[in-house]
């Protein structure tokens, strides 16, 4: 079987032990100011040079475009919805590996590190759009992927094909929003509630990744959200399968991996950047989550 491979490493999951956690599209940009140029970031015109520099979205069949020139892994400054209609492989998003199977759809937010490996005969569609379009349409990814039921495939395919054949931006935006609403329904069917609980969950992630990265007590986070600590734990258990504290630590460890691999900060500086006042506590948590101490991880995987 012929396969297509992108990237200088076999798989980020091999590098990172599969211990990452999906953190959504709320990553704080200042963290990335410490990353080195070894991690490439692409814009929509970078990926699609035939588009104007002002292009804010694009929909295409990814069998029809050459992405072999891209440096993998990488990150992008736009949102991507990648629907594999056929083919197998794996997709690595923020250090977590997900299987590529037919009619699995991936949702990648700006700044997320991305790598994949799939068969050369795989096919499907990609919908890309920038942060402004996402904000205007109210799109916010809450899951890394969704599996499309067989009876929904014809409708989704029709929406994508129609959008690809249209030229007016307004019509494409309408199709994009309609497509995402259908995908969101699939996510609701699997794991998610798009009501108030999801809003609180996203606000909690924002608090974790803002406030100068300083880690607060769980009671303080709950007070900021105007809910009880018991309610906050219940929300995190529903959406993340863990307590609020463990969810916070999972996000912090993902950020620590990014900085250890792609920055030149030492372990103490990284602990401080992530809000840990005690570097030894950070080291204990990191080892518990990844089985390696930060210094061993740094020495083994930093290029």
Protein backbone atom coordinates (compact mmCIF):
# COMPACT_ATOMS: atom_id res chain seq x y z
CA UNK A 1 0.00 0.00 0.00
CA UNK A 2 1.47 3.33 -1.01
CA UNK A 3 1.45 5.88 1.75
CA UNK A 4 2.03 9.61 2.01
CA UNK A 5 4.13 10.92 4.87
CA UNK A 6 4.51 14.52 5.94
CA UNK A 7 7.06 15.71 8.47
CA UNK A 8 10.51 15.08 9.79
CA UNK A 9 9.35 12.79 12.59
CA UNK A 10 7.36 9.61 12.21
CA UNK A 11 4.59 10.82 14.46
CA UNK A 12 4.27 13.47 17.15
CA UNK A 13 2.50 10.91 19.28
CA UNK A 14 5.69 8.84 19.30
CA UNK A 15 7.60 11.93 20.35
CA UNK A 16 5.18 12.98 23.05
CA UNK A 17 3.91 9.70 24.38
CA UNK A 18 0.28 10.38 23.50
CA UNK A 19 -0.17 12.31 26.75
CA UNK A 20 -1.51 15.52 25.27
CA UNK A 21 -4.96 17.02 25.76
CA UNK A 22 -7.12 18.88 23.30
CA UNK A 23 -7.24 22.49 24.43
CA UNK A 24 -9.48 24.05 21.79
CA UNK A 25 -8.81 27.33 19.93
CA UNK A 26 -8.18 29.49 23.00
CA UNK A 27 -4.38 29.31 23.14
CA UNK A 28 -2.78 32.53 24.23
CA UNK A 29 -0.69 34.15 21.52
CA UNK A 30 2.02 35.42 23.81
CA UNK A 31 3.13 31.86 24.56
CA UNK A 32 3.95 31.46 20.91
CA UNK A 33 6.17 34.52 20.89
CA UNK A 34 8.68 32.32 22.66
CA UNK A 35 8.60 29.62 20.02
CA UNK A 36 11.40 29.49 17.52
CA UNK A 37 11.15 29.65 13.75
CA UNK A 38 11.58 25.88 13.53
CA UNK A 39 7.80 25.60 13.83
CA UNK A 40 6.23 27.02 10.67
CA UNK A 41 2.95 28.94 10.78
CA UNK A 42 0.89 29.27 7.61
CA UNK A 43 -1.83 31.65 6.51
CA UNK A 44 -4.54 30.85 3.96
CA UNK A 45 -2.61 32.48 1.05
CA UNK A 46 0.48 30.51 2.08
CA UNK A 47 -1.38 27.23 1.57
CA UNK A 48 -3.27 28.45 -1.49
CA UNK A 49 -1.00 30.81 -3.45
CA UNK A 50 -3.60 31.17 -6.20
CA UNK A 51 -5.77 33.18 -3.78
CA UNK A 52 -5.43 36.88 -3.06
CA UNK A 53 -3.65 38.02 0.09
CA UNK A 54 -7.01 39.16 1.44
CA UNK A 55 -8.64 35.72 1.09
CA UNK A 56 -10.50 34.89 4.29
CA UNK A 57 -11.76 31.41 3.42
CA UNK A 58 -11.57 28.65 0.86
CA UNK A 59 -13.31 25.32 0.23
CA UNK A 60 -11.73 22.60 -1.88
CA UNK A 61 -11.21 18.92 -2.52
CA UNK A 62 -7.82 18.15 -1.03
CA UNK A 63 -6.98 15.67 -3.76
CA UNK A 64 -6.70 18.62 -6.10
CA UNK A 65 -3.98 20.60 -4.33
CA UNK A 66 -0.32 19.89 -3.67
CA UNK A 67 0.59 20.31 -0.01
CA UNK A 68 3.84 18.37 -0.22
CA UNK A 69 5.83 21.61 -0.01
CA UNK A 70 4.58 22.34 3.52
CA UNK A 71 6.83 21.80 6.51
CA UNK A 72 5.33 19.28 8.92
CA UNK A 73 4.43 19.51 11.74
CA UNK A 74 3.19 23.08 11.59
CA UNK A 75 0.49 25.43 12.83
CA UNK A 76 -1.87 27.75 10.97
CA UNK A 77 -3.45 31.10 11.81
CA UNK A 78 -6.87 29.98 10.52
CA UNK A 79 -9.56 27.37 11.22
CA UNK A 80 -9.73 24.11 9.26
CA UNK A 81 -12.49 21.55 8.85
CA UNK A 82 -11.00 18.46 7.20
CA UNK A 83 -13.43 15.76 6.10
CA UNK A 84 -11.95 12.45 5.01
CA UNK A 85 -14.52 10.79 2.80
CA UNK A 86 -12.14 7.89 2.15
CA UNK A 87 -8.77 6.62 3.29
CA UNK A 88 -7.02 5.65 6.51
CA UNK A 89 -4.13 6.93 8.59
CA UNK A 90 -3.70 9.12 11.63
CA UNK A 91 -4.02 12.81 12.40
CA UNK A 92 -2.06 14.39 15.26
CA UNK A 93 -3.56 17.53 16.78
CA UNK A 94 -1.85 19.14 19.75
CA UNK A 95 0.14 16.00 20.57
CA UNK A 96 -2.84 13.64 20.53
CA UNK A 97 -3.23 11.05 17.76
CA UNK A 98 -6.64 10.38 16.18
CA UNK A 99 -7.37 7.68 13.62
CA UNK A 100 -8.29 8.77 10.10
CA UNK A 101 -11.23 6.70 8.88
CA UNK A 102 -13.86 7.30 6.19
CA UNK A 103 -16.33 10.03 7.08
CA UNK A 104 -14.40 11.26 10.08
CA UNK A 105 -14.17 15.01 10.13
CA UNK A 106 -11.42 16.93 11.98
CA UNK A 107 -11.74 20.44 13.40
CA UNK A 108 -8.47 22.31 13.88
CA UNK A 109 -8.27 25.74 15.50
CA UNK A 110 -5.64 28.44 14.93
CA UNK A 111 -2.29 27.84 16.65
CA UNK A 112 -2.81 24.11 17.15
CA UNK A 113 0.18 22.01 16.14
CA UNK A 114 -0.78 19.62 13.38
CA UNK A 115 0.73 16.62 11.62
CA UNK A 116 -0.74 13.68 9.73
CA UNK A 117 0.02 10.47 7.86
CA UNK A 118 -2.46 8.95 5.43
CA UNK A 119 -2.76 6.73 2.38
CA UNK A 120 -2.04 8.30 -0.98
CA UNK A 121 -5.52 7.44 -2.26
CA UNK A 122 -7.29 9.17 0.63
CA UNK A 123 -9.69 11.90 -0.37
CA UNK A 124 -12.10 14.42 1.02
CA UNK A 125 -12.73 18.10 1.53
CA UNK A 126 -11.17 20.93 3.47
CA UNK A 127 -12.92 24.12 4.55
CA UNK A 128 -10.60 26.85 5.80
CA UNK A 129 -11.58 30.26 7.18
CA UNK A 130 -9.89 32.94 9.21
CA UNK A 131 -10.58 34.16 12.74
CA UNK A 132 -12.72 37.07 11.58
CA UNK A 133 -15.06 34.79 9.64
CA UNK A 134 -15.25 32.40 12.59
CA UNK A 135 -16.20 35.24 14.92
CA UNK A 136 -18.78 36.64 12.50
CA UNK A 137 -20.41 33.23 12.06
CA UNK A 138 -20.16 32.27 15.73
CA UNK A 139 -18.05 29.18 15.02
CA UNK A 140 -16.04 27.77 17.92
CA UNK A 141 -14.70 24.23 17.80
CA UNK A 142 -15.49 22.18 20.90
CA UNK A 143 -14.25 18.78 19.75
CA UNK A 144 -11.23 17.63 17.73
CA UNK A 145 -13.35 15.48 15.42
CA UNK A 146 -16.82 14.20 14.59
CA UNK A 147 -17.90 11.01 12.86
CA UNK A 148 -20.51 11.60 10.17
CA UNK A 149 -23.43 9.18 10.08
CA UNK A 150 -23.96 7.50 6.69
CA UNK A 151 -27.39 9.04 6.22
CA UNK A 152 -25.96 12.56 6.67
CA UNK A 153 -23.17 12.17 4.11
CA UNK A 154 -25.20 13.03 0.97
CA UNK A 155 -26.48 16.28 2.48
CA UNK A 156 -23.06 17.38 3.73
CA UNK A 157 -21.45 16.51 0.41
CA UNK A 158 -24.12 18.48 -1.43
CA UNK A 159 -23.49 21.54 0.75
CA UNK A 160 -19.73 21.37 0.15
CA UNK A 161 -20.03 20.81 -3.60
CA UNK A 162 -22.49 23.67 -3.96
CA UNK A 163 -20.18 26.00 -2.03
CA UNK A 164 -17.24 25.05 -4.22
CA UNK A 165 -19.21 26.00 -7.32
CA UNK A 166 -20.30 29.41 -6.03
CA UNK A 167 -18.39 32.64 -6.47
CA UNK A 168 -20.15 35.19 -4.28
CA UNK A 169 -18.72 35.42 -0.80
CA UNK A 170 -22.08 35.89 0.93
CA UNK A 171 -23.40 32.62 -0.48
CA UNK A 172 -20.26 30.75 0.52
CA UNK A 173 -20.52 32.09 4.06
CA UNK A 174 -24.10 30.86 4.24
CA UNK A 175 -23.02 27.42 3.07
CA UNK A 176 -20.12 27.37 5.51
CA UNK A 177 -22.39 28.19 8.43
CA UNK A 178 -24.95 25.60 7.31
CA UNK A 179 -22.26 22.96 6.96
CA UNK A 180 -20.91 23.70 10.44
CA UNK A 181 -24.40 23.57 11.96
CA UNK A 182 -24.82 20.07 10.55
CA UNK A 183 -21.42 19.05 11.91
CA UNK A 184 -22.27 20.53 15.31
CA UNK A 185 -25.37 18.32 15.35
CA UNK A 186 -23.11 15.29 14.95
CA UNK A 187 -20.98 16.43 17.88
CA UNK A 188 -24.07 16.90 20.01
CA UNK A 189 -25.19 13.39 19.13
CA UNK A 190 -21.85 11.97 20.28
CA UNK A 191 -20.60 13.83 23.31
CA UNK A 192 -21.56 17.45 23.61
CA UNK A 193 -24.22 19.78 24.93
CA UNK A 194 -24.16 23.14 23.17
CA UNK A 195 -26.12 24.86 25.91
CA UNK A 196 -25.00 26.87 28.92
CA UNK A 197 -22.71 24.15 30.25
CA UNK A 198 -20.59 24.31 27.11
CA UNK A 199 -20.35 28.10 27.42
CA UNK A 200 -19.08 27.78 30.97
CA UNK A 201 -16.60 25.11 29.92
CA UNK A 202 -15.17 27.38 27.22
CA UNK A 203 -15.03 30.32 29.65
CA UNK A 204 -13.11 28.15 32.09
CA UNK A 205 -10.57 27.34 29.39
CA UNK A 206 -10.23 31.05 28.65
CA UNK A 207 -9.55 31.77 32.32
CA UNK A 208 -6.89 29.06 32.42
CA UNK A 209 -5.12 30.45 29.38
CA UNK A 210 -5.37 34.12 30.29
CA UNK A 211 -4.90 36.05 33.53
CA UNK A 212 -1.14 36.19 32.82
CA UNK A 213 -1.07 32.39 33.01
CA UNK A 214 -1.04 32.51 36.83
CA UNK A 215 -2.68 29.44 38.33
CA UNK A 216 -5.45 30.28 40.76
CA UNK A 217 -7.25 28.07 43.23
CA UNK A 218 -10.21 26.10 41.93
CA UNK A 219 -12.47 28.14 44.21
CA UNK A 220 -11.25 31.34 42.57
CA UNK A 221 -11.97 29.97 39.10
CA UNK A 222 -15.45 28.93 40.22
CA UNK A 223 -16.09 32.36 41.74
CA UNK A 224 -14.98 34.05 38.50
CA UNK A 225 -17.52 31.93 36.60
CA UNK A 226 -20.23 32.53 39.21
CA UNK A 227 -20.75 28.83 39.83
CA UNK A 228 -20.00 26.52 42.73
CA UNK A 229 -16.85 24.41 42.70
CA UNK A 230 -19.06 21.31 42.59
CA UNK A 231 -20.76 22.64 39.44
CA UNK A 232 -17.41 23.45 37.83
CA UNK A 233 -16.14 19.95 38.56
CA UNK A 234 -19.34 18.51 37.12
CA UNK A 235 -18.99 20.53 33.91
CA UNK A 236 -15.38 19.43 33.45
CA UNK A 237 -16.33 15.83 34.15
CA UNK A 238 -19.02 16.01 31.46
CA UNK A 239 -16.84 17.62 28.79
CA UNK A 240 -13.32 16.49 29.66
CA UNK A 241 -13.81 13.38 31.78
CA UNK A 242 -11.82 14.84 34.66
CA UNK A 243 -12.04 17.24 37.58
CA UNK A 244 -11.52 20.96 37.06
CA UNK A 245 -8.03 20.75 38.58
CA UNK A 246 -6.96 17.85 36.38
CA UNK A 247 -8.35 19.59 33.31
CA UNK A 248 -6.31 22.69 34.15
CA UNK A 249 -3.16 20.63 34.62
CA UNK A 250 -3.73 18.77 31.34
CA UNK A 251 -3.88 22.07 29.45
CA UNK A 252 -0.78 23.37 31.23
CA UNK A 253 1.17 20.21 30.38
CA UNK A 254 0.28 20.56 26.68
CA UNK A 255 1.64 24.10 26.82
CA UNK A 256 4.74 22.87 28.62
CA UNK A 257 5.41 20.35 25.84
CA UNK A 258 5.14 23.09 23.23
CA UNK A 259 7.63 25.29 25.03
CA UNK A 260 10.04 22.49 25.85
CA UNK A 261 10.21 21.42 22.20
CA UNK A 262 9.89 24.69 20.32
CA UNK A 263 11.44 27.32 22.59
CA UNK A 264 14.81 27.84 24.21
CA UNK A 265 13.41 28.49 27.68
CA UNK A 266 14.76 26.40 30.55
CA UNK A 267 12.52 24.33 32.79
CA UNK A 268 12.25 26.96 35.53
CA UNK A 269 11.33 29.68 33.03
CA UNK A 270 8.67 27.47 31.47
CA UNK A 271 7.20 26.67 34.88
CA UNK A 272 6.99 30.41 35.60
CA UNK A 273 5.45 31.20 32.21
CA UNK A 274 2.74 28.62 32.83
CA UNK A 275 1.83 29.98 36.25
CA UNK A 276 3.59 27.49 38.49
CA UNK A 277 5.20 29.35 41.39
CA UNK A 278 7.11 26.22 42.39
CA UNK A 279 9.25 24.67 39.63
CA UNK A 280 9.62 21.44 41.59
CA UNK A 281 5.83 21.06 41.75
CA UNK A 282 5.64 21.66 38.02
CA UNK A 283 8.29 18.97 37.48
CA UNK A 284 6.36 16.46 39.60
CA UNK A 285 3.12 17.13 37.71
CA UNK A 286 4.87 16.93 34.35
CA UNK A 287 6.46 13.58 35.18
CA UNK A 288 3.16 12.23 36.50
CA UNK A 289 1.41 13.18 33.25
CA UNK A 290 4.13 12.15 30.78
CA UNK A 291 6.30 9.63 32.70
CA UNK A 292 9.37 11.83 31.97
CA UNK A 293 10.79 14.70 33.98
CA UNK A 294 10.87 18.04 32.13
CA UNK A 295 14.67 17.98 31.95
CA UNK A 296 14.72 14.45 30.50
CA UNK A 297 11.96 15.36 28.06
CA UNK A 298 13.82 18.50 27.03
CA UNK A 299 17.10 16.67 26.49
CA UNK A 300 15.45 13.87 24.55
CA UNK A 301 13.16 15.79 22.24
CA UNK A 302 14.34 19.38 21.86
CA UNK A 303 16.02 19.78 18.49
